[in-house]
PDB file of N, CA and C in Angstrom:
ATOM      1  N   MET A   1       0.843  -1.184   0.000  1.00  0.00           N
ATOM      2  CA  MET A   1       0.000   0.000   0.000  1.00  0.00           C
ATOM      3  C   MET A   1       0.886   1.245   0.000  1.00  0.00           C
ATOM      4  N   SER A   2       0.556   2.199  -0.842  1.00  0.00           N
ATOM      5  CA  SER A   2       1.367   3.412  -0.905  1.00  0.00           C
ATOM      6  C   SER A   2       0.919   4.392   0.171  1.00  0.00           C
ATOM      7  N   ALA A   3       1.835   5.223   0.574  1.00  0.00           N
ATOM      8  CA  ALA A   3       1.534   6.202   1.610  1.00  0.00           C
ATOM      9  C   ALA A   3       0.655   7.304   1.036  1.00  0.00           C
ATOM     10  N   ASP A   4      -0.239   7.824   1.860  1.00  0.00           N
ATOM     11  CA  ASP A   4      -1.030   8.966   1.422  1.00  0.00           C
ATOM     12  C   ASP A   4      -0.129  10.203   1.389  1.00  0.00           C
ATOM     13  N   ALA A   5      -0.635  11.284   0.835  1.00  0.00           N
ATOM     14  CA  ALA A   5       0.177  12.487   0.642  1.00  0.00           C
ATOM     15  C   ALA A   5       0.717  13.049   1.954  1.00  0.00           C
ATOM     16  N   LEU A   6      -0.105  13.060   3.004  1.00  0.00           N
ATOM     17  CA  LEU A   6       0.359  13.620   4.273  1.00  0.00           C
ATOM     18  C   LEU A   6       1.436  12.747   4.903  1.00  0.00           C
ATOM     19  N   THR A   7       1.231  11.456   4.908  1.00  0.00           N
ATOM     20  CA  THR A   7       2.242  10.552   5.464  1.00  0.00           C
ATOM     21  C   THR A   7       3.527  10.633   4.651  1.00  0.00           C
ATOM     22  N   ALA A   8       3.404  10.709   3.342  1.00  0.00           N
ATOM     23  CA  ALA A   8       4.582  10.832   2.479  1.00  0.00           C
ATOM     24  C   ALA A   8       5.338  12.125   2.776  1.00  0.00           C
ATOM     25  N   LEU A   9       4.608  13.198   3.023  1.00  0.00           N
ATOM     26  CA  LEU A   9       5.232  14.473   3.348  1.00  0.00           C
ATOM     27  C   LEU A   9       5.999  14.368   4.662  1.00  0.00           C
ATOM     28  N   PHE A  10       5.368  13.787   5.688  1.00  0.00           N
ATOM     29  CA  PHE A  10       6.061  13.595   6.966  1.00  0.00           C
ATOM     30  C   PHE A  10       7.296  12.720   6.786  1.00  0.00           C
ATOM     31  N   ALA A  11       7.181  11.664   6.008  1.00  0.00           N
ATOM     32  CA  ALA A  11       8.312  10.766   5.779  1.00  0.00           C
ATOM     33  C   ALA A  11       9.473  11.513   5.133  1.00  0.00           C
ATOM     34  N   GLU A  12       9.149  12.347   4.158  1.00  0.00           N
ATOM     35  CA  GLU A  12      10.203  13.097   3.463  1.00  0.00           C
ATOM     36  C   GLU A  12      10.888  14.088   4.396  1.00  0.00           C
ATOM     37  N   VAL A  13      10.104  14.878   5.123  1.00  0.00           N
ATOM     38  CA  VAL A  13      10.680  15.902   5.995  1.00  0.00           C
ATOM     39  C   VAL A  13      11.440  15.272   7.156  1.00  0.00           C
ATOM     40  N   LEU A  14      10.882  14.206   7.728  1.00  0.00           N
ATOM     41  CA  LEU A  14      11.538  13.558   8.868  1.00  0.00           C
ATOM     42  C   LEU A  14      12.645  12.591   8.441  1.00  0.00           C
ATOM     43  N   ASN A  15      12.701  12.309   7.137  1.00  0.00           N
ATOM     44  CA  ASN A  15      13.701  11.390   6.589  1.00  0.00           C
ATOM     45  C   ASN A  15      13.606  10.002   7.231  1.00  0.00           C
ATOM     46  N   VAL A  16      12.359   9.507   7.286  1.00  0.00           N
ATOM     47  CA  VAL A  16      12.099   8.149   7.767  1.00  0.00           C
ATOM     48  C   VAL A  16      11.177   7.463   6.763  1.00  0.00           C
ATOM     49  N   PRO A  17      11.243   6.149   6.652  1.00  0.00           N
ATOM     50  CA  PRO A  17      10.355   5.445   5.722  1.00  0.00           C
ATOM     51  C   PRO A  17       8.886   5.637   6.098  1.00  0.00           C
ATOM     52  N   ALA A  18       8.061   5.888   5.099  1.00  0.00           N
ATOM     53  CA  ALA A  18       6.627   6.080   5.332  1.00  0.00           C
ATOM     54  C   ALA A  18       6.017   4.877   6.036  1.00  0.00           C
ATOM     55  N   ALA A  19       6.525   3.689   5.758  1.00  0.00           N
ATOM     56  CA  ALA A  19       5.991   2.469   6.373  1.00  0.00           C
ATOM     57  C   ALA A  19       6.176   2.467   7.894  1.00  0.00           C
ATOM     58  N   GLU A  20       7.097   3.274   8.399  1.00  0.00           N
ATOM     59  CA  GLU A  20       7.337   3.345   9.844  1.00  0.00           C
ATOM     60  C   GLU A  20       6.436   4.368  10.535  1.00  0.00           C
ATOM     61  N   LEU A  21       5.655   5.109   9.763  1.00  0.00           N
ATOM     62  CA  LEU A  21       4.814   6.158  10.318  1.00  0.00           C
ATOM     63  C   LEU A  21       3.370   5.700  10.448  1.00  0.00           C
ATOM     64  N   SER A  22       2.672   6.265  11.429  1.00  0.00           N
ATOM     65  CA  SER A  22       1.254   5.968  11.631  1.00  0.00           C
ATOM     66  C   SER A  22       0.565   7.237  12.116  1.00  0.00           C
ATOM     67  N   GLU A  23      -0.724   7.153  12.328  1.00  0.00           N
ATOM     68  CA  GLU A  23      -1.477   8.293  12.841  1.00  0.00           C
ATOM     69  C   GLU A  23      -0.972   8.702  14.227  1.00  0.00           C
ATOM     70  N   ASP A  24      -0.352   7.771  14.942  1.00  0.00           N
ATOM     71  CA  ASP A  24       0.147   8.033  16.290  1.00  0.00           C
ATOM     72  C   ASP A  24       1.582   8.547  16.318  1.00  0.00           C
ATOM     73  N   THR A  25       2.217   8.664  15.165  1.00  0.00           N
ATOM     74  CA  THR A  25       3.585   9.169  15.114  1.00  0.00           C
ATOM     75  C   THR A  25       3.596  10.592  15.653  1.00  0.00           C
ATOM     76  N   SER A  26       4.518  10.852  16.589  1.00  0.00           N
ATOM     77  CA  SER A  26       4.583  12.161  17.248  1.00  0.00           C
ATOM     78  C   SER A  26       6.032  12.465  17.638  1.00  0.00           C
ATOM     79  N   PRO A  27       6.273  13.672  18.132  1.00  0.00           N
ATOM     80  CA  PRO A  27       7.620  13.982  18.617  1.00  0.00           C
ATOM     81  C   PRO A  27       8.048  13.073  19.773  1.00  0.00           C
ATOM     82  N   ASP A  28       7.069  12.548  20.506  1.00  0.00           N
ATOM     83  CA  ASP A  28       7.379  11.687  21.651  1.00  0.00           C
ATOM     84  C   ASP A  28       7.935  10.329  21.246  1.00  0.00           C
ATOM     85  N   ASN A  29       7.593   9.861  20.054  1.00  0.00           N
ATOM     86  CA  ASN A  29       8.057   8.533  19.638  1.00  0.00           C
ATOM     87  C   ASN A  29       8.875   8.555  18.345  1.00  0.00           C
ATOM     88  N   THR A  30       9.265   9.751  17.914  1.00  0.00           N
ATOM     89  CA  THR A  30      10.025   9.891  16.670  1.00  0.00           C
ATOM     90  C   THR A  30      11.171  10.876  16.891  1.00  0.00           C
ATOM     91  N   PRO A  31      12.381  10.382  17.140  1.00  0.00           N
ATOM     92  CA  PRO A  31      13.504  11.266  17.438  1.00  0.00           C
ATOM     93  C   PRO A  31      13.778  12.329  16.369  1.00  0.00           C
ATOM     94  N   ALA A  32      13.486  12.020  15.114  1.00  0.00           N
ATOM     95  CA  ALA A  32      13.752  12.978  14.041  1.00  0.00           C
ATOM     96  C   ALA A  32      12.801  14.172  14.072  1.00  0.00           C
ATOM     97  N   TRP A  33      11.690  14.054  14.799  1.00  0.00           N
ATOM     98  CA  TRP A  33      10.685  15.121  14.869  1.00  0.00           C
ATOM     99  C   TRP A  33      11.119  16.108  15.940  1.00  0.00           C
ATOM    100  N   ASP A  34      12.033  16.994  15.596  1.00  0.00           N
ATOM    101  CA  ASP A  34      12.540  17.982  16.545  1.00  0.00           C
ATOM    102  C   ASP A  34      12.035  19.374  16.160  1.00  0.00           C
ATOM    103  N   SER A  35      12.468  20.394  16.875  1.00  0.00           N
ATOM    104  CA  SER A  35      11.950  21.743  16.654  1.00  0.00           C
ATOM    105  C   SER A  35      12.253  22.268  15.252  1.00  0.00           C
ATOM    106  N   LEU A  36      13.397  21.935  14.709  1.00  0.00           N
ATOM    107  CA  LEU A  36      13.721  22.349  13.346  1.00  0.00           C
ATOM    108  C   LEU A  36      12.787  21.680  12.348  1.00  0.00           C
ATOM    109  N   ARG A  37      12.525  20.397  12.540  1.00  0.00           N
ATOM    110  CA  ARG A  37      11.638  19.661  11.633  1.00  0.00           C
ATOM    111  C   ARG A  37      10.207  20.184  11.707  1.00  0.00           C
ATOM    112  N   VAL A  38       9.797  20.681  12.879  1.00  0.00           N
ATOM    113  CA  VAL A  38       8.457  21.249  13.002  1.00  0.00           C
ATOM    114  C   VAL A  38       8.303  22.401  12.015  1.00  0.00           C
ATOM    115  N   MET A  39       9.279  23.271  11.968  1.00  0.00           N
ATOM    116  CA  MET A  39       9.203  24.412  11.047  1.00  0.00           C
ATOM    117  C   MET A  39       9.195  23.934   9.591  1.00  0.00           C
ATOM    118  N   GLU A  40       9.997  22.932   9.295  1.00  0.00           N
ATOM    119  CA  GLU A  40      10.013  22.378   7.943  1.00  0.00           C
ATOM    120  C   GLU A  40       8.680  21.712   7.603  1.00  0.00           C
ATOM    121  N   LEU A  41       8.104  20.995   8.575  1.00  0.00           N
ATOM    122  CA  LEU A  41       6.809  20.351   8.362  1.00  0.00           C
ATOM    123  C   LEU A  41       5.719  21.379   8.091  1.00  0.00           C
ATOM    124  N   VAL A  42       5.699  22.447   8.874  1.00  0.00           N
ATOM    125  CA  VAL A  42       4.686  23.487   8.688  1.00  0.00           C
ATOM    126  C   VAL A  42       4.811  24.095   7.291  1.00  0.00           C
ATOM    127  N   ALA A  43       6.023  24.446   6.898  1.00  0.00           N
ATOM    128  CA  ALA A  43       6.222  25.033   5.570  1.00  0.00           C
ATOM    129  C   ALA A  43       5.797  24.057   4.471  1.00  0.00           C
ATOM    130  N   ALA A  44       6.168  22.798   4.617  1.00  0.00           N
ATOM    131  CA  ALA A  44       5.813  21.793   3.611  1.00  0.00           C
ATOM    132  C   ALA A  44       4.309  21.570   3.554  1.00  0.00           C
ATOM    133  N   ILE A  45       3.657  21.521   4.705  1.00  0.00           N
ATOM    134  CA  ILE A  45       2.201  21.332   4.747  1.00  0.00           C
ATOM    135  C   ILE A  45       1.501  22.517   4.090  1.00  0.00           C
ATOM    136  N   GLU A  46       1.919  23.734   4.444  1.00  0.00           N
ATOM    137  CA  GLU A  46       1.291  24.917   3.866  1.00  0.00           C
ATOM    138  C   GLU A  46       1.472  24.959   2.353  1.00  0.00           C
ATOM    139  N   ASP A  47       2.661  24.621   1.872  1.00  0.00           N
ATOM    140  CA  ASP A  47       2.923  24.618   0.423  1.00  0.00           C
ATOM    141  C   ASP A  47       2.153  23.509  -0.285  1.00  0.00           C
ATOM    142  N   THR A  48       2.203  22.313   0.266  1.00  0.00           N
ATOM    143  CA  THR A  48       1.576  21.158  -0.369  1.00  0.00           C
ATOM    144  C   THR A  48       0.065  21.285  -0.445  1.00  0.00           C
ATOM    145  N   PHE A  49      -0.546  21.752   0.626  1.00  0.00           N
ATOM    146  CA  PHE A  49      -2.003  21.814   0.695  1.00  0.00           C
ATOM    147  C   PHE A  49      -2.552  23.216   0.444  1.00  0.00           C
ATOM    148  N   ASP A  50      -1.666  24.155   0.102  1.00  0.00           N
ATOM    149  CA  ASP A  50      -2.031  25.522  -0.264  1.00  0.00           C
ATOM    150  C   ASP A  50      -2.969  26.157   0.772  1.00  0.00           C
ATOM    151  N   LEU A  51      -2.477  26.213   2.014  1.00  0.00           N
ATOM    152  CA  LEU A  51      -3.247  26.820   3.090  1.00  0.00           C
ATOM    153  C   LEU A  51      -2.303  27.460   4.090  1.00  0.00           C
ATOM    154  N   GLN A  52      -2.878  28.240   4.988  1.00  0.00           N
ATOM    155  CA  GLN A  52      -2.113  28.887   6.054  1.00  0.00           C
ATOM    156  C   GLN A  52      -2.543  28.286   7.387  1.00  0.00           C
ATOM    157  N   LEU A  53      -1.580  28.003   8.225  1.00  0.00           N
ATOM    158  CA  LEU A  53      -1.860  27.463   9.558  1.00  0.00           C
ATOM    159  C   LEU A  53      -1.644  28.560  10.593  1.00  0.00           C
ATOM    160  N   SER A  54      -2.547  28.651  11.542  1.00  0.00           N
ATOM    161  CA  SER A  54      -2.364  29.587  12.649  1.00  0.00           C
ATOM    162  C   SER A  54      -1.358  28.995  13.633  1.00  0.00           C
ATOM    163  N   THR A  55      -0.856  29.831  14.502  1.00  0.00           N
ATOM    164  CA  THR A  55       0.061  29.344  15.529  1.00  0.00           C
ATOM    165  C   THR A  55      -0.623  28.280  16.382  1.00  0.00           C
ATOM    166  N   ALA A  56      -1.889  28.499  16.729  1.00  0.00           N
ATOM    167  CA  ALA A  56      -2.626  27.525  17.544  1.00  0.00           C
ATOM    168  C   ALA A  56      -2.732  26.189  16.819  1.00  0.00           C
ATOM    169  N   GLU A  57      -3.015  26.225  15.524  1.00  0.00           N
ATOM    170  CA  GLU A  57      -3.113  24.982  14.749  1.00  0.00           C
ATOM    171  C   GLU A  57      -1.769  24.260  14.696  1.00  0.00           C
ATOM    172  N   MET A  58      -0.708  25.020  14.521  1.00  0.00           N
ATOM    173  CA  MET A  58       0.633  24.416  14.501  1.00  0.00           C
ATOM    174  C   MET A  58       0.932  23.716  15.822  1.00  0.00           C
ATOM    175  N   MET A  59       0.556  24.362  16.920  1.00  0.00           N
ATOM    176  CA  MET A  59       0.825  23.815  18.246  1.00  0.00           C
ATOM    177  C   MET A  59       0.006  22.552  18.506  1.00  0.00           C
ATOM    178  N   GLN A  60      -1.162  22.434  17.883  1.00  0.00           N
ATOM    179  CA  GLN A  60      -2.028  21.277  18.079  1.00  0.00           C
ATOM    180  C   GLN A  60      -1.571  20.060  17.282  1.00  0.00           C
ATOM    181  N   MET A  61      -0.722  20.252  16.299  1.00  0.00           N
ATOM    182  CA  MET A  61      -0.280  19.142  15.439  1.00  0.00           C
ATOM    183  C   MET A  61       0.786  18.320  16.143  1.00  0.00           C
ATOM    184  N   ARG A  62       0.385  17.576  17.158  1.00  0.00           N
ATOM    185  CA  ARG A  62       1.318  16.783  17.958  1.00  0.00           C
ATOM    186  C   ARG A  62       1.399  15.333  17.509  1.00  0.00           C
ATOM    187  N   SER A  63       0.748  15.009  16.397  1.00  0.00           N
ATOM    188  CA  SER A  63       0.855  13.682  15.792  1.00  0.00           C
ATOM    189  C   SER A  63       0.376  13.808  14.350  1.00  0.00           C
ATOM    190  N   ILE A  64       0.658  12.804  13.566  1.00  0.00           N
ATOM    191  CA  ILE A  64       0.179  12.828  12.190  1.00  0.00           C
ATOM    192  C   ILE A  64      -1.352  12.813  12.174  1.00  0.00           C
ATOM    193  N   GLY A  65      -1.955  12.049  13.043  1.00  0.00           N
ATOM    194  CA  GLY A  65      -3.414  11.991  13.107  1.00  0.00           C
ATOM    195  C   GLY A  65      -4.031  13.338  13.455  1.00  0.00           C
ATOM    196  N   LEU A  66      -3.442  14.050  14.419  1.00  0.00           N
ATOM    197  CA  LEU A  66      -3.949  15.375  14.772  1.00  0.00           C
ATOM    198  C   LEU A  66      -3.743  16.355  13.623  1.00  0.00           C
ATOM    199  N   ALA A  67      -2.607  16.262  12.957  1.00  0.00           N
ATOM    200  CA  ALA A  67      -2.367  17.118  11.788  1.00  0.00           C
ATOM    201  C   ALA A  67      -3.426  16.852  10.724  1.00  0.00           C
ATOM    202  N   ARG A  68      -3.725  15.584  10.486  1.00  0.00           N
ATOM    203  CA  ARG A  68      -4.732  15.218   9.488  1.00  0.00           C
ATOM    204  C   ARG A  68      -6.103  15.812   9.855  1.00  0.00           C
ATOM    205  N   SER A  69      -6.475  15.741  11.116  1.00  0.00           N
ATOM    206  CA  SER A  69      -7.758  16.288  11.567  1.00  0.00           C
ATOM    207  C   SER A  69      -7.826  17.798  11.341  1.00  0.00           C
ATOM    208  N   ILE A  70      -6.761  18.482  11.688  1.00  0.00           N
ATOM    209  CA  ILE A  70      -6.720  19.942  11.507  1.00  0.00           C
ATOM    210  C   ILE A  70      -6.814  20.293  10.029  1.00  0.00           C
ATOM    211  N   LEU A  71      -6.073  19.576   9.202  1.00  0.00           N
ATOM    212  CA  LEU A  71      -6.109  19.854   7.761  1.00  0.00           C
ATOM    213  C   LEU A  71      -7.481  19.572   7.177  1.00  0.00           C
ATOM    214  N   ARG A  72      -8.107  18.505   7.592  1.00  0.00           N
ATOM    215  CA  ARG A  72      -9.466  18.206   7.107  1.00  0.00           C
ATOM    216  C   ARG A  72     -10.441  19.303   7.514  1.00  0.00           C
ATOM    217  N   ALA A  73     -10.304  19.816   8.740  1.00  0.00           N
ATOM    218  CA  ALA A  73     -11.175  20.893   9.206  1.00  0.00           C
ATOM    219  C   ALA A  73     -11.002  22.155   8.373  1.00  0.00           C
ATOM    220  N   LYS A  74      -9.828  22.310   7.774  1.00  0.00           N
ATOM    221  CA  LYS A  74      -9.553  23.459   6.918  1.00  0.00           C
ATOM    222  C   LYS A  74      -9.930  23.178   5.461  1.00  0.00           C
ATOM    223  N   GLY A  75     -10.481  22.001   5.200  1.00  0.00           N
ATOM    224  CA  GLY A  75     -10.935  21.659   3.851  1.00  0.00           C
ATOM    225  C   GLY A  75      -9.937  20.938   2.981  1.00  0.00           C
ATOM    226  N   ALA A  76      -8.773  20.580   3.538  1.00  0.00           N
ATOM    227  CA  ALA A  76      -7.766  19.854   2.762  1.00  0.00           C
ATOM    228  C   ALA A  76      -8.207  18.414   2.580  1.00  0.00           C
ATOM    229  N   ARG A  77      -7.881  17.844   1.452  1.00  0.00           N
ATOM    230  CA  ARG A  77      -8.213  16.451   1.180  1.00  0.00           C
ATOM    231  C   ARG A  77      -7.017  15.587   1.546  1.00  0.00           C
ATOM    232  N   VAL A  78      -7.027  15.116   2.776  1.00  0.00           N
ATOM    233  CA  VAL A  78      -5.912  14.287   3.283  1.00  0.00           C
ATOM    234  C   VAL A  78      -6.425  12.976   3.820  1.00  0.00           C
TER     235      VAL A  78
END
């Protein structure tokens, strides 16, 4: 099964195989997800899905699943 666009984006930015990622992937269980990667993830998400994230939304994205929920609420197809 191929990774969806959001998982593929996280895999690319975090430099980990998409197969190792899940909805529960977070900074707590992924060493590569550090403060620098957060900024890269935000920029990549905004560019890929053509939207703007508020600071509050960025702070809420503590896992891939939470990021997906926030993006869906903004109308992104993820």
